[in-house]
Amino acid sequence: MLNRIHEARKNESGFTLIELLMVIIILGVLSGIVVFAVNGIQDRGAESACKTDVKTVAVAAEAAYAQNEAYPLTMTALVASGFLHSEAASVEYAATATAITTLQGAATSKCAGFKG
């Protein structure tokens, strides 16, 4: 009986340990490539969103100027007057009544220094 089981197992085919290790290594390399690719996509998306925020604040400030013949002094004033829905943390904005003095990506944002 034991010989019959041994003979049956002798003819079975399967993966060797080396083959299984190679598959695991290949999957590890592929997953590493995917992780780095996704991180790059997220960074580009955050930078694009930041640049869009700068441009949105610029348009809101110009709309406020067109309506009131003066620029709002702060982003809070843009929100209070209804030209922006909320303040953009990624944007630095400051103005006088006649000119925008600062409109750029905040130093801590993905688009630091970007001017709209």
PDB file of N, CA and C in Angstrom:
ATOM      1  N   MET A   1       0.824  -1.192   0.000  1.00  0.00           N
ATOM      2  CA  MET A   1       0.000   0.000   0.000  1.00  0.00           C
ATOM      3  C   MET A   1       0.870   1.258   0.000  1.00  0.00           C
ATOM      4  N   LEU A   2       1.899   1.280   0.848  1.00  0.00           N
ATOM      5  CA  LEU A   2       2.786   2.433   0.939  1.00  0.00           C
ATOM      6  C   LEU A   2       3.555   2.626  -0.363  1.00  0.00           C
ATOM      7  N   ASN A   3       3.941   1.532  -0.986  1.00  0.00           N
ATOM      8  CA  ASN A   3       4.644   1.628  -2.265  1.00  0.00           C
ATOM      9  C   ASN A   3       3.745   2.207  -3.352  1.00  0.00           C
ATOM     10  N   ARG A   4       2.484   1.843  -3.318  1.00  0.00           N
ATOM     11  CA  ARG A   4       1.546   2.346  -4.315  1.00  0.00           C
ATOM     12  C   ARG A   4       1.360   3.866  -4.183  1.00  0.00           C
ATOM     13  N   ILE A   5       1.290   4.358  -2.959  1.00  0.00           N
ATOM     14  CA  ILE A   5       1.162   5.804  -2.715  1.00  0.00           C
ATOM     15  C   ILE A   5       2.435   6.512  -3.177  1.00  0.00           C
ATOM     16  N   HIS A   6       3.580   5.925  -2.850  1.00  0.00           N
ATOM     17  CA  HIS A   6       4.855   6.522  -3.246  1.00  0.00           C
ATOM     18  C   HIS A   6       4.972   6.585  -4.771  1.00  0.00           C
ATOM     19  N   GLU A   7       4.569   5.551  -5.461  1.00  0.00           N
ATOM     20  CA  GLU A   7       4.610   5.525  -6.922  1.00  0.00           C
ATOM     21  C   GLU A   7       3.646   6.560  -7.511  1.00  0.00           C
ATOM     22  N   ALA A   8       2.481   6.729  -6.907  1.00  0.00           N
ATOM     23  CA  ALA A   8       1.500   7.701  -7.403  1.00  0.00           C
ATOM     24  C   ALA A   8       2.037   9.125  -7.252  1.00  0.00           C
ATOM     25  N   ARG A   9       2.702   9.396  -6.149  1.00  0.00           N
ATOM     26  CA  ARG A   9       3.253  10.739  -5.912  1.00  0.00           C
ATOM     27  C   ARG A   9       4.452  11.012  -6.821  1.00  0.00           C
ATOM     28  N   LYS A  10       5.146   9.997  -7.212  1.00  0.00           N
ATOM     29  CA  LYS A  10       6.315  10.152  -8.058  1.00  0.00           C
ATOM     30  C   LYS A  10       5.934  10.729  -9.419  1.00  0.00           C
ATOM     31  N   ASN A  11       4.762  10.400  -9.908  1.00  0.00           N
ATOM     32  CA  ASN A  11       4.318  10.849 -11.222  1.00  0.00           C
ATOM     33  C   ASN A  11       3.604  12.200 -11.186  1.00  0.00           C
ATOM     34  N   GLU A  12       3.328  12.720 -10.004  1.00  0.00           N
ATOM     35  CA  GLU A  12       2.656  14.021  -9.905  1.00  0.00           C
ATOM     36  C   GLU A  12       3.616  15.124 -10.335  1.00  0.00           C
ATOM     37  N   SER A  13       3.063  16.099 -11.031  1.00  0.00           N
ATOM     38  CA  SER A  13       3.894  17.235 -11.406  1.00  0.00           C
ATOM     39  C   SER A  13       3.384  18.461 -10.660  1.00  0.00           C
ATOM     40  N   GLY A  14       4.278  19.390 -10.413  1.00  0.00           N
ATOM     41  CA  GLY A  14       3.921  20.614  -9.700  1.00  0.00           C
ATOM     42  C   GLY A  14       5.040  21.621  -9.868  1.00  0.00           C
ATOM     43  N   PHE A  15       4.889  22.741  -9.202  1.00  0.00           N
ATOM     44  CA  PHE A  15       5.900  23.787  -9.279  1.00  0.00           C
ATOM     45  C   PHE A  15       7.013  23.507  -8.281  1.00  0.00           C
ATOM     46  N   THR A  16       8.219  23.796  -8.687  1.00  0.00           N
ATOM     47  CA  THR A  16       9.340  23.649  -7.765  1.00  0.00           C
ATOM     48  C   THR A  16       9.441  24.913  -6.924  1.00  0.00           C
ATOM     49  N   LEU A  17      10.210  24.847  -5.876  1.00  0.00           N
ATOM     50  CA  LEU A  17      10.397  25.994  -4.994  1.00  0.00           C
ATOM     51  C   LEU A  17      11.031  27.156  -5.755  1.00  0.00           C
ATOM     52  N   ILE A  18      11.960  26.875  -6.627  1.00  0.00           N
ATOM     53  CA  ILE A  18      12.618  27.924  -7.416  1.00  0.00           C
ATOM     54  C   ILE A  18      11.600  28.633  -8.308  1.00  0.00           C
ATOM     55  N   GLU A  19      10.720  27.882  -8.946  1.00  0.00           N
ATOM     56  CA  GLU A  19       9.704  28.494  -9.801  1.00  0.00           C
ATOM     57  C   GLU A  19       8.776  29.397  -8.993  1.00  0.00           C
ATOM     58  N   LEU A  20       8.371  28.951  -7.832  1.00  0.00           N
ATOM     59  CA  LEU A  20       7.507  29.765  -6.978  1.00  0.00           C
ATOM     60  C   LEU A  20       8.219  31.030  -6.513  1.00  0.00           C
ATOM     61  N   LEU A  21       9.491  30.919  -6.159  1.00  0.00           N
ATOM     62  CA  LEU A  21      10.251  32.099  -5.740  1.00  0.00           C
ATOM     63  C   LEU A  21      10.400  33.095  -6.885  1.00  0.00           C
ATOM     64  N   MET A  22      10.614  32.608  -8.091  1.00  0.00           N
ATOM     65  CA  MET A  22      10.730  33.500  -9.245  1.00  0.00           C
ATOM     66  C   MET A  22       9.425  34.267  -9.479  1.00  0.00           C
ATOM     67  N   VAL A  23       8.297  33.590  -9.349  1.00  0.00           N
ATOM     68  CA  VAL A  23       6.998  34.253  -9.515  1.00  0.00           C
ATOM     69  C   VAL A  23       6.820  35.330  -8.451  1.00  0.00           C
ATOM     70  N   ILE A  24       7.184  35.035  -7.214  1.00  0.00           N
ATOM     71  CA  ILE A  24       7.061  36.014  -6.128  1.00  0.00           C
ATOM     72  C   ILE A  24       7.961  37.219  -6.390  1.00  0.00           C
ATOM     73  N   ILE A  25       9.171  36.989  -6.857  1.00  0.00           N
ATOM     74  CA  ILE A  25      10.093  38.092  -7.159  1.00  0.00           C
ATOM     75  C   ILE A  25       9.542  38.957  -8.290  1.00  0.00           C
ATOM     76  N   ILE A  26       9.037  38.338  -9.330  1.00  0.00           N
ATOM     77  CA  ILE A  26       8.477  39.094 -10.459  1.00  0.00           C
ATOM     78  C   ILE A  26       7.281  39.922 -10.006  1.00  0.00           C
ATOM     79  N   LEU A  27       6.400  39.344  -9.202  1.00  0.00           N
ATOM     80  CA  LEU A  27       5.245  40.093  -8.691  1.00  0.00           C
ATOM     81  C   LEU A  27       5.691  41.259  -7.813  1.00  0.00           C
ATOM     82  N   GLY A  28       6.735  41.066  -7.027  1.00  0.00           N
ATOM     83  CA  GLY A  28       7.255  42.149  -6.190  1.00  0.00           C
ATOM     84  C   GLY A  28       7.795  43.297  -7.015  1.00  0.00           C
ATOM     85  N   VAL A  29       8.535  42.982  -8.066  1.00  0.00           N
ATOM     86  CA  VAL A  29       9.078  44.024  -8.946  1.00  0.00           C
ATOM     87  C   VAL A  29       7.944  44.781  -9.633  1.00  0.00           C
ATOM     88  N   LEU A  30       6.960  44.068 -10.139  1.00  0.00           N
ATOM     89  CA  LEU A  30       5.828  44.719 -10.807  1.00  0.00           C
ATOM     90  C   LEU A  30       5.039  45.606  -9.853  1.00  0.00           C
ATOM     91  N   SER A  31       4.829  45.152  -8.627  1.00  0.00           N
ATOM     92  CA  SER A  31       4.086  45.983  -7.669  1.00  0.00           C
ATOM     93  C   SER A  31       4.882  47.227  -7.298  1.00  0.00           C
ATOM     94  N   GLY A  32       6.193  47.123  -7.219  1.00  0.00           N
ATOM     95  CA  GLY A  32       7.023  48.300  -6.956  1.00  0.00           C
ATOM     96  C   GLY A  32       6.920  49.325  -8.065  1.00  0.00           C
ATOM     97  N   ILE A  33       6.904  48.869  -9.296  1.00  0.00           N
ATOM     98  CA  ILE A  33       6.759  49.776 -10.438  1.00  0.00           C
ATOM     99  C   ILE A  33       5.411  50.485 -10.383  1.00  0.00           C
ATOM    100  N   VAL A  34       4.365  49.763 -10.067  1.00  0.00           N
ATOM    101  CA  VAL A  34       3.023  50.351  -9.995  1.00  0.00           C
ATOM    102  C   VAL A  34       2.947  51.401  -8.895  1.00  0.00           C
ATOM    103  N   VAL A  35       3.538  51.136  -7.741  1.00  0.00           N
ATOM    104  CA  VAL A  35       3.495  52.091  -6.628  1.00  0.00           C
ATOM    105  C   VAL A  35       4.156  53.404  -7.029  1.00  0.00           C
ATOM    106  N   PHE A  36       5.324  53.352  -7.654  1.00  0.00           N
ATOM    107  CA  PHE A  36       6.003  54.577  -8.059  1.00  0.00           C
ATOM    108  C   PHE A  36       5.233  55.313  -9.150  1.00  0.00           C
ATOM    109  N   ALA A  37       4.608  54.597 -10.052  1.00  0.00           N
ATOM    110  CA  ALA A  37       3.821  55.243 -11.108  1.00  0.00           C
ATOM    111  C   ALA A  37       2.616  55.971 -10.525  1.00  0.00           C
ATOM    112  N   VAL A  38       1.944  55.358  -9.563  1.00  0.00           N
ATOM    113  CA  VAL A  38       0.769  55.979  -8.941  1.00  0.00           C
ATOM    114  C   VAL A  38       1.173  57.217  -8.153  1.00  0.00           C
ATOM    115  N   ASN A  39       2.298  57.176  -7.454  1.00  0.00           N
ATOM    116  CA  ASN A  39       2.754  58.351  -6.707  1.00  0.00           C
ATOM    117  C   ASN A  39       3.018  59.525  -7.638  1.00  0.00           C
ATOM    118  N   GLY A  40       3.603  59.280  -8.786  1.00  0.00           N
ATOM    119  CA  GLY A  40       3.853  60.347  -9.751  1.00  0.00           C
ATOM    120  C   GLY A  40       2.563  60.957 -10.263  1.00  0.00           C
ATOM    121  N   ILE A  41       1.575  60.134 -10.494  1.00  0.00           N
ATOM    122  CA  ILE A  41       0.276  60.624 -10.960  1.00  0.00           C
ATOM    123  C   ILE A  41      -0.373  61.490  -9.889  1.00  0.00           C
ATOM    124  N   GLN A  42      -0.304  61.077  -8.633  1.00  0.00           N
ATOM    125  CA  GLN A  42      -0.885  61.860  -7.541  1.00  0.00           C
ATOM    126  C   GLN A  42      -0.189  63.207  -7.402  1.00  0.00           C
ATOM    127  N   ASP A  43       1.126  63.231  -7.527  1.00  0.00           N
ATOM    128  CA  ASP A  43       1.865  64.493  -7.420  1.00  0.00           C
ATOM    129  C   ASP A  43       1.473  65.462  -8.535  1.00  0.00           C
ATOM    130  N   ARG A  44       1.379  64.956  -9.753  1.00  0.00           N
ATOM    131  CA  ARG A  44       0.983  65.819 -10.868  1.00  0.00           C
ATOM    132  C   ARG A  44      -0.445  66.323 -10.687  1.00  0.00           C
ATOM    133  N   GLY A  45      -1.317  65.493 -10.150  1.00  0.00           N
ATOM    134  CA  GLY A  45      -2.694  65.909  -9.900  1.00  0.00           C
ATOM    135  C   GLY A  45      -2.776  66.998  -8.849  1.00  0.00           C
ATOM    136  N   ALA A  46      -1.996  66.863  -7.780  1.00  0.00           N
ATOM    137  CA  ALA A  46      -1.990  67.882  -6.722  1.00  0.00           C
ATOM    138  C   ALA A  46      -1.437  69.202  -7.243  1.00  0.00           C
ATOM    139  N   GLU A  47      -0.400  69.144  -8.068  1.00  0.00           N
ATOM    140  CA  GLU A  47       0.168  70.364  -8.643  1.00  0.00           C
ATOM    141  C   GLU A  47      -0.833  71.044  -9.573  1.00  0.00           C
ATOM    142  N   SER A  48      -1.517  70.267 -10.376  1.00  0.00           N
ATOM    143  CA  SER A  48      -2.516  70.820 -11.289  1.00  0.00           C
ATOM    144  C   SER A  48      -3.671  71.458 -10.521  1.00  0.00           C
ATOM    145  N   ALA A  49      -4.114  70.813  -9.448  1.00  0.00           N
ATOM    146  CA  ALA A  49      -5.191  71.374  -8.623  1.00  0.00           C
ATOM    147  C   ALA A  49      -4.759  72.684  -7.989  1.00  0.00           C
ATOM    148  N   CYS A  50      -3.525  72.750  -7.542  1.00  0.00           N
ATOM    149  CA  CYS A  50      -2.996  73.970  -6.931  1.00  0.00           C
ATOM    150  C   CYS A  50      -2.962  75.111  -7.945  1.00  0.00           C
ATOM    151  N   LYS A  51      -2.492  74.834  -9.143  1.00  0.00           N
ATOM    152  CA  LYS A  51      -2.444  75.865 -10.186  1.00  0.00           C
ATOM    153  C   LYS A  51      -3.852  76.341 -10.548  1.00  0.00           C
ATOM    154  N   THR A  52      -4.792  75.424 -10.565  1.00  0.00           N
ATOM    155  CA  THR A  52      -6.177  75.793 -10.837  1.00  0.00           C
ATOM    156  C   THR A  52      -6.724  76.688  -9.735  1.00  0.00           C
ATOM    157  N   ASP A  53      -6.365  76.411  -8.484  1.00  0.00           N
ATOM    158  CA  ASP A  53      -6.787  77.266  -7.368  1.00  0.00           C
ATOM    159  C   ASP A  53      -6.265  78.687  -7.541  1.00  0.00           C
ATOM    160  N   VAL A  54      -5.005  78.826  -7.949  1.00  0.00           N
ATOM    161  CA  VAL A  54      -4.417  80.159  -8.156  1.00  0.00           C
ATOM    162  C   VAL A  54      -5.199  80.900  -9.245  1.00  0.00           C
ATOM    163  N   LYS A  55      -5.486  80.211 -10.337  1.00  0.00           N
ATOM    164  CA  LYS A  55      -6.226  80.845 -11.433  1.00  0.00           C
ATOM    165  C   LYS A  55      -7.653  81.197 -11.015  1.00  0.00           C
ATOM    166  N   THR A  56      -8.279  80.362 -10.204  1.00  0.00           N
ATOM    167  CA  THR A  56      -9.634  80.633  -9.725  1.00  0.00           C
ATOM    168  C   THR A  56      -9.666  81.876  -8.850  1.00  0.00           C
ATOM    169  N   VAL A  57      -8.687  82.012  -7.965  1.00  0.00           N
ATOM    170  CA  VAL A  57      -8.613  83.205  -7.115  1.00  0.00           C
ATOM    171  C   VAL A  57      -8.391  84.446  -7.977  1.00  0.00           C
ATOM    172  N   ALA A  58      -7.567  84.331  -9.009  1.00  0.00           N
ATOM    173  CA  ALA A  58      -7.327  85.468  -9.908  1.00  0.00           C
ATOM    174  C   ALA A  58      -8.615  85.893 -10.607  1.00  0.00           C
ATOM    175  N   VAL A  59      -9.375  84.936 -11.097  1.00  0.00           N
ATOM    176  CA  VAL A  59     -10.640  85.248 -11.771  1.00  0.00           C
ATOM    177  C   VAL A  59     -11.629  85.864 -10.786  1.00  0.00           C
ATOM    178  N   ALA A  60     -11.693  85.326  -9.572  1.00  0.00           N
ATOM    179  CA  ALA A  60     -12.602  85.875  -8.557  1.00  0.00           C
ATOM    180  C   ALA A  60     -12.223  87.309  -8.203  1.00  0.00           C
ATOM    181  N   ALA A  61     -10.931  87.581  -8.086  1.00  0.00           N
ATOM    182  CA  ALA A  61     -10.478  88.940  -7.765  1.00  0.00           C
ATOM    183  C   ALA A  61     -10.827  89.904  -8.895  1.00  0.00           C
ATOM    184  N   GLU A  62     -10.653  89.465 -10.132  1.00  0.00           N
ATOM    185  CA  GLU A  62     -11.001  90.325 -11.269  1.00  0.00           C
ATOM    186  C   GLU A  62     -12.507  90.556 -11.344  1.00  0.00           C
ATOM    187  N   ALA A  63     -13.297  89.536 -11.024  1.00  0.00           N
ATOM    188  CA  ALA A  63     -14.756  89.703 -11.009  1.00  0.00           C
ATOM    189  C   ALA A  63     -15.169  90.696  -9.925  1.00  0.00           C
ATOM    190  N   ALA A  64     -14.529  90.615  -8.769  1.00  0.00           N
ATOM    191  CA  ALA A  64     -14.820  91.561  -7.685  1.00  0.00           C
ATOM    192  C   ALA A  64     -14.437  92.976  -8.099  1.00  0.00           C
ATOM    193  N   TYR A  65     -13.310  93.109  -8.778  1.00  0.00           N
ATOM    194  CA  TYR A  65     -12.878  94.432  -9.243  1.00  0.00           C
ATOM    195  C   TYR A  65     -13.863  94.994 -10.276  1.00  0.00           C
ATOM    196  N   ALA A  66     -14.329  94.134 -11.172  1.00  0.00           N
ATOM    197  CA  ALA A  66     -15.275  94.580 -12.201  1.00  0.00           C
ATOM    198  C   ALA A  66     -16.586  95.057 -11.580  1.00  0.00           C
ATOM    199  N   GLN A  67     -17.005  94.410 -10.513  1.00  0.00           N
ATOM    200  CA  GLN A  67     -18.273  94.779  -9.880  1.00  0.00           C
ATOM    201  C   GLN A  67     -18.123  95.966  -8.930  1.00  0.00           C
ATOM    202  N   ASN A  68     -17.033  96.013  -8.171  1.00  0.00           N
ATOM    203  CA  ASN A  68     -16.889  97.011  -7.101  1.00  0.00           C
ATOM    204  C   ASN A  68     -15.866  98.104  -7.404  1.00  0.00           C
ATOM    205  N   GLU A  69     -15.168  97.992  -8.511  1.00  0.00           N
ATOM    206  CA  GLU A  69     -14.095  98.916  -8.887  1.00  0.00           C
ATOM    207  C   GLU A  69     -12.989  98.999  -7.835  1.00  0.00           C
ATOM    208  N   ALA A  70     -12.813  97.914  -7.101  1.00  0.00           N
ATOM    209  CA  ALA A  70     -11.719  97.791  -6.122  1.00  0.00           C
ATOM    210  C   ALA A  70     -11.487  96.308  -5.867  1.00  0.00           C
ATOM    211  N   TYR A  71     -10.230  95.956  -5.668  1.00  0.00           N
ATOM    212  CA  TYR A  71      -9.911  94.563  -5.351  1.00  0.00           C
ATOM    213  C   TYR A  71     -10.174  94.301  -3.871  1.00  0.00           C
ATOM    214  N   PRO A  72     -10.730  93.136  -3.529  1.00  0.00           N
ATOM    215  CA  PRO A  72     -10.817  92.768  -2.112  1.00  0.00           C
ATOM    216  C   PRO A  72      -9.395  92.630  -1.554  1.00  0.00           C
ATOM    217  N   LEU A  73      -9.183  93.070  -0.316  1.00  0.00           N
ATOM    218  CA  LEU A  73      -7.834  93.089   0.248  1.00  0.00           C
ATOM    219  C   LEU A  73      -7.324  91.703   0.618  1.00  0.00           C
ATOM    220  N   THR A  74      -8.223  90.793   0.957  1.00  0.00           N
ATOM    221  CA  THR A  74      -7.818  89.446   1.379  1.00  0.00           C
ATOM    222  C   THR A  74      -8.698  88.400   0.700  1.00  0.00           C
ATOM    223  N   MET A  75      -8.274  87.158   0.793  1.00  0.00           N
ATOM    224  CA  MET A  75      -9.079  86.073   0.266  1.00  0.00           C
ATOM    225  C   MET A  75     -10.357  85.909   1.083  1.00  0.00           C
ATOM    226  N   THR A  76     -10.288  86.208   2.379  1.00  0.00           N
ATOM    227  CA  THR A  76     -11.473  86.149   3.235  1.00  0.00           C
ATOM    228  C   THR A  76     -12.541  87.108   2.713  1.00  0.00           C
ATOM    229  N   ALA A  77     -12.114  88.278   2.247  1.00  0.00           N
ATOM    230  CA  ALA A  77     -13.060  89.242   1.681  1.00  0.00           C
ATOM    231  C   ALA A  77     -13.675  88.716   0.383  1.00  0.00           C
ATOM    232  N   LEU A  78     -12.904  87.979  -0.399  1.00  0.00           N
ATOM    233  CA  LEU A  78     -13.452  87.363  -1.615  1.00  0.00           C
ATOM    234  C   LEU A  78     -14.538  86.354  -1.267  1.00  0.00           C
ATOM    235  N   VAL A  79     -14.306  85.580  -0.208  1.00  0.00           N
ATOM    236  CA  VAL A  79     -15.297  84.591   0.230  1.00  0.00           C
ATOM    237  C   VAL A  79     -16.526  85.302   0.783  1.00  0.00           C
ATOM    238  N   ALA A  80     -16.308  86.312   1.625  1.00  0.00           N
ATOM    239  CA  ALA A  80     -17.418  87.028   2.260  1.00  0.00           C
ATOM    240  C   ALA A  80     -18.309  87.717   1.225  1.00  0.00           C
ATOM    241  N   SER A  81     -17.713  88.198   0.150  1.00  0.00           N
ATOM    242  CA  SER A  81     -18.504  88.887  -0.873  1.00  0.00           C
ATOM    243  C   SER A  81     -19.093  87.926  -1.906  1.00  0.00           C
ATOM    244  N   GLY A  82     -18.835  86.627  -1.751  1.00  0.00           N
ATOM    245  CA  GLY A  82     -19.458  85.623  -2.606  1.00  0.00           C
ATOM    246  C   GLY A  82     -18.730  85.313  -3.900  1.00  0.00           C
ATOM    247  N   PHE A  83     -17.532  85.814  -4.060  1.00  0.00           N
ATOM    248  CA  PHE A  83     -16.789  85.540  -5.295  1.00  0.00           C
ATOM    249  C   PHE A  83     -16.030  84.216  -5.236  1.00  0.00           C
ATOM    250  N   LEU A  84     -15.784  83.719  -4.035  1.00  0.00           N
ATOM    251  CA  LEU A  84     -15.181  82.395  -3.839  1.00  0.00           C
ATOM    252  C   LEU A  84     -16.066  81.605  -2.889  1.00  0.00           C
ATOM    253  N   HIS A  85     -16.086  80.295  -3.085  1.00  0.00           N
ATOM    254  CA  HIS A  85     -16.857  79.427  -2.190  1.00  0.00           C
ATOM    255  C   HIS A  85     -16.140  79.245  -0.855  1.00  0.00           C
ATOM    256  N   SER A  86     -14.825  79.086  -0.916  1.00  0.00           N
ATOM    257  CA  SER A  86     -14.024  78.929   0.305  1.00  0.00           C
ATOM    258  C   SER A  86     -12.594  79.382   0.013  1.00  0.00           C
ATOM    259  N   GLU A  87     -11.843  79.603   1.077  1.00  0.00           N
ATOM    260  CA  GLU A  87     -10.450  80.025   0.906  1.00  0.00           C
ATOM    261  C   GLU A  87      -9.604  78.858   0.410  1.00  0.00           C
ATOM    262  N   ALA A  88      -8.678  79.155  -0.462  1.00  0.00           N
ATOM    263  CA  ALA A  88      -7.759  78.141  -0.981  1.00  0.00           C
ATOM    264  C   ALA A  88      -6.478  78.192  -0.157  1.00  0.00           C
ATOM    265  N   ALA A  89      -6.222  77.136   0.597  1.00  0.00           N
ATOM    266  CA  ALA A  89      -5.040  77.106   1.464  1.00  0.00           C
ATOM    267  C   ALA A  89      -3.743  77.088   0.663  1.00  0.00           C
ATOM    268  N   SER A  90      -3.811  76.659  -0.579  1.00  0.00           N
ATOM    269  CA  SER A  90      -2.597  76.551  -1.392  1.00  0.00           C
ATOM    270  C   SER A  90      -2.249  77.847  -2.124  1.00  0.00           C
ATOM    271  N   VAL A  91      -2.986  78.932  -1.837  1.00  0.00           N
ATOM    272  CA  VAL A  91      -2.786  80.188  -2.567  1.00  0.00           C
ATOM    273  C   VAL A  91      -2.482  81.321  -1.601  1.00  0.00           C
ATOM    274  N   GLU A  92      -1.480  82.132  -1.955  1.00  0.00           N
ATOM    275  CA  GLU A  92      -1.196  83.369  -1.222  1.00  0.00           C
ATOM    276  C   GLU A  92      -1.816  84.514  -2.017  1.00  0.00           C
ATOM    277  N   TYR A  93      -2.664  85.305  -1.347  1.00  0.00           N
ATOM    278  CA  TYR A  93      -3.337  86.414  -2.022  1.00  0.00           C
ATOM    279  C   TYR A  93      -3.305  87.641  -1.123  1.00  0.00           C
ATOM    280  N   ALA A  94      -2.971  88.764  -1.700  1.00  0.00           N
ATOM    281  CA  ALA A  94      -3.048  90.051  -1.011  1.00  0.00           C
ATOM    282  C   ALA A  94      -3.240  91.118  -2.079  1.00  0.00           C
ATOM    283  N   ALA A  95      -3.936  92.192  -1.715  1.00  0.00           N
ATOM    284  CA  ALA A  95      -4.200  93.238  -2.698  1.00  0.00           C
ATOM    285  C   ALA A  95      -4.387  94.580  -2.009  1.00  0.00           C
ATOM    286  N   THR A  96      -4.237  95.618  -2.807  1.00  0.00           N
ATOM    287  CA  THR A  96      -4.665  96.958  -2.405  1.00  0.00           C
ATOM    288  C   THR A  96      -5.956  97.212  -3.177  1.00  0.00           C
ATOM    289  N   ALA A  97      -6.546  98.339  -3.004  1.00  0.00           N
ATOM    290  CA  ALA A  97      -7.798  98.628  -3.711  1.00  0.00           C
ATOM    291  C   ALA A  97      -7.597  98.693  -5.217  1.00  0.00           C
ATOM    292  N   THR A  98      -6.397  99.025  -5.646  1.00  0.00           N
ATOM    293  CA  THR A  98      -6.169  99.215  -7.083  1.00  0.00           C
ATOM    294  C   THR A  98      -5.309  98.144  -7.752  1.00  0.00           C
ATOM    295  N   ALA A  99      -4.715  97.248  -6.976  1.00  0.00           N
ATOM    296  CA  ALA A  99      -3.838  96.241  -7.593  1.00  0.00           C
ATOM    297  C   ALA A  99      -3.712  95.001  -6.714  1.00  0.00           C
ATOM    298  N   ILE A 100      -3.527  93.871  -7.373  1.00  0.00           N
ATOM    299  CA  ILE A 100      -3.217  92.630  -6.656  1.00  0.00           C
ATOM    300  C   ILE A 100      -1.717  92.640  -6.399  1.00  0.00           C
ATOM    301  N   THR A 101      -1.321  92.561  -5.133  1.00  0.00           N
ATOM    302  CA  THR A 101       0.105  92.611  -4.808  1.00  0.00           C
ATOM    303  C   THR A 101       0.724  91.224  -4.717  1.00  0.00           C
ATOM    304  N   THR A 102      -0.031  90.238  -4.276  1.00  0.00           N
ATOM    305  CA  THR A 102       0.477  88.872  -4.175  1.00  0.00           C
ATOM    306  C   THR A 102      -0.596  87.906  -4.651  1.00  0.00           C
ATOM    307  N   LEU A 103      -0.260  87.088  -5.622  1.00  0.00           N
ATOM    308  CA  LEU A 103      -1.143  86.012  -6.078  1.00  0.00           C
ATOM    309  C   LEU A 103      -0.254  84.913  -6.630  1.00  0.00           C
ATOM    310  N   GLN A 104      -0.008  83.908  -5.791  1.00  0.00           N
ATOM    311  CA  GLN A 104       0.876  82.811  -6.190  1.00  0.00           C
ATOM    312  C   GLN A 104       0.600  81.596  -5.332  1.00  0.00           C
ATOM    313  N   GLY A 105       1.171  80.476  -5.735  1.00  0.00           N
ATOM    314  CA  GLY A 105       1.072  79.262  -4.943  1.00  0.00           C
ATOM    315  C   GLY A 105       1.808  79.449  -3.629  1.00  0.00           C
ATOM    316  N   ALA A 106       1.208  78.987  -2.544  1.00  0.00           N
ATOM    317  CA  ALA A 106       1.824  79.125  -1.226  1.00  0.00           C
ATOM    318  C   ALA A 106       3.135  78.348  -1.171  1.00  0.00           C
ATOM    319  N   ALA A 107       4.031  78.789  -0.297  1.00  0.00           N
ATOM    320  CA  ALA A 107       5.367  78.177  -0.199  1.00  0.00           C
ATOM    321  C   ALA A 107       5.290  76.699   0.166  1.00  0.00           C
ATOM    322  N   THR A 108       4.267  76.291   0.902  1.00  0.00           N
ATOM    323  CA  THR A 108       4.148  74.897   1.335  1.00  0.00           C
ATOM    324  C   THR A 108       3.313  74.055   0.377  1.00  0.00           C
ATOM    325  N   SER A 109       2.845  74.635  -0.713  1.00  0.00           N
ATOM    326  CA  SER A 109       1.978  73.901  -1.631  1.00  0.00           C
ATOM    327  C   SER A 109       2.789  73.216  -2.727  1.00  0.00           C
ATOM    328  N   LYS A 110       2.100  72.394  -3.515  1.00  0.00           N
ATOM    329  CA  LYS A 110       2.742  71.677  -4.624  1.00  0.00           C
ATOM    330  C   LYS A 110       3.123  72.608  -5.771  1.00  0.00           C
ATOM    331  N   CYS A 111       2.518  73.803  -5.814  1.00  0.00           N
ATOM    332  CA  CYS A 111       2.816  74.739  -6.907  1.00  0.00           C
ATOM    333  C   CYS A 111       3.436  76.013  -6.347  1.00  0.00           C
ATOM    334  N   ALA A 112       4.336  75.876  -5.397  1.00  0.00           N
ATOM    335  CA  ALA A 112       4.957  77.032  -4.739  1.00  0.00           C
ATOM    336  C   ALA A 112       5.552  77.978  -5.775  1.00  0.00           C
ATOM    337  N   GLY A 113       5.173  79.251  -5.672  1.00  0.00           N
ATOM    338  CA  GLY A 113       5.711  80.261  -6.567  1.00  0.00           C
ATOM    339  C   GLY A 113       4.981  80.419  -7.884  1.00  0.00           C
ATOM    340  N   PHE A 114       4.048  79.515  -8.197  1.00  0.00           N
ATOM    341  CA  PHE A 114       3.294  79.628  -9.456  1.00  0.00           C
ATOM    342  C   PHE A 114       2.440  80.887  -9.415  1.00  0.00           C
ATOM    343  N   LYS A 115       2.544  81.698 -10.437  1.00  0.00           N
ATOM    344  CA  LYS A 115       1.777  82.949 -10.494  1.00  0.00           C
ATOM    345  C   LYS A 115       0.667  82.803 -11.522  1.00  0.00           C
ATOM    346  N   GLY A 116      -0.532  83.213 -11.110  1.00  0.00           N
ATOM    347  CA  GLY A 116      -1.696  83.054 -11.989  1.00  0.00           C
ATOM    348  C   GLY A 116      -1.910  84.146 -12.872  1.00  0.00           C
TER     349      GLY A 116
END
